[in-house]
Amino acid sequence: MKTKTSSKKSALDNNACLLFLKNRGGRAKLSELTFSQTLIQDLITKNIAKVTNTGNGYYLELENKS
């Protein structure tokens, strides 16, 4: 069960990951990320980010919102 403290921490972690991606041009190599798998999966599930295979590795990229 999530508590208010864990919800705030989760929101802060999401914001930290999004800021990290924005500072790297909207994408980062998946193997270089230190964020939890749960956090990354949460961003993918909410259609905020996606994983792409470039042939040189897998990247986490921000979704384009138009």
Protein backbone atom coordinates (compact mmCIF):
# COMPACT_ATOMS: atom_id res chain seq x y z
CA MET A 1 0.00 0.00 0.00
CA LYS A 2 1.39 3.40 -0.95
CA THR A 3 1.74 5.99 1.73
CA LYS A 4 1.85 9.73 1.25
CA THR A 5 5.61 9.63 1.72
CA SER A 6 6.15 6.94 -0.93
CA SER A 7 3.83 8.76 -3.35
CA LYS A 8 5.82 11.97 -2.94
CA LYS A 9 9.10 10.08 -3.41
CA SER A 10 7.72 8.40 -6.52
CA ALA A 11 6.66 11.75 -7.97
CA LEU A 12 10.09 13.22 -7.21
CA ASP A 13 11.78 10.23 -8.86
CA ASN A 14 9.57 10.60 -11.95
CA ASN A 15 10.43 14.29 -12.17
CA ALA A 16 14.13 13.57 -11.72
CA CYS A 17 14.07 11.01 -14.52
CA LEU A 18 12.16 13.34 -16.84
CA LEU A 19 14.56 16.19 -16.11
CA PHE A 20 17.49 13.86 -16.76
CA LEU A 21 16.05 12.88 -20.15
CA LYS A 22 15.28 16.49 -21.08
CA ASN A 23 18.85 17.51 -20.26
CA ARG A 24 20.14 14.77 -22.57
CA GLY A 25 18.10 15.88 -25.56
CA GLY A 26 15.10 13.69 -24.78
CA ARG A 27 16.84 10.32 -24.86
CA ALA A 28 19.38 8.25 -22.96
CA LYS A 29 20.89 4.80 -23.38
CA LEU A 30 18.88 2.36 -21.28
CA SER A 31 21.97 0.56 -19.97
CA GLU A 32 23.36 3.83 -18.56
CA LEU A 33 20.27 4.77 -16.54
CA THR A 34 20.40 4.36 -12.77
CA PHE A 35 16.66 4.79 -12.25
CA SER A 36 14.67 1.78 -11.11
CA GLN A 37 13.03 -0.57 -13.58
CA THR A 38 9.69 0.15 -11.91
CA LEU A 39 10.07 3.88 -12.48
CA ILE A 40 11.01 3.41 -16.14
CA GLN A 41 8.09 1.01 -16.65
CA ASP A 42 5.76 3.56 -15.06
CA LEU A 43 6.87 6.23 -17.57
CA ILE A 44 6.32 3.81 -20.45
CA THR A 45 2.89 2.74 -19.18
CA LYS A 46 1.78 6.37 -18.87
CA ASN A 47 2.96 7.02 -22.48
CA ILE A 48 5.48 9.59 -21.30
CA ALA A 49 8.47 7.67 -22.65
CA LYS A 50 9.21 4.76 -24.97
CA VAL A 51 12.07 2.34 -25.58
CA THR A 52 13.59 2.19 -29.05
CA ASN A 53 16.25 -0.06 -30.56
CA THR A 54 18.65 1.92 -32.72
CA GLY A 55 20.87 -1.00 -33.67
CA ASN A 56 23.53 0.38 -31.34
CA GLY A 57 21.52 -0.27 -28.20
CA TYR A 58 18.23 0.45 -26.52
CA TYR A 59 17.29 4.01 -25.69
CA LEU A 60 14.64 5.50 -23.43
CA GLU A 61 13.09 8.43 -25.28
CA LEU A 62 10.48 10.97 -24.35
CA GLU A 63 7.26 10.64 -26.35
CA ASN A 64 6.49 13.54 -28.66
CA LYS A 65 3.37 15.30 -27.42
CA SER A 66 1.69 17.32 -30.15
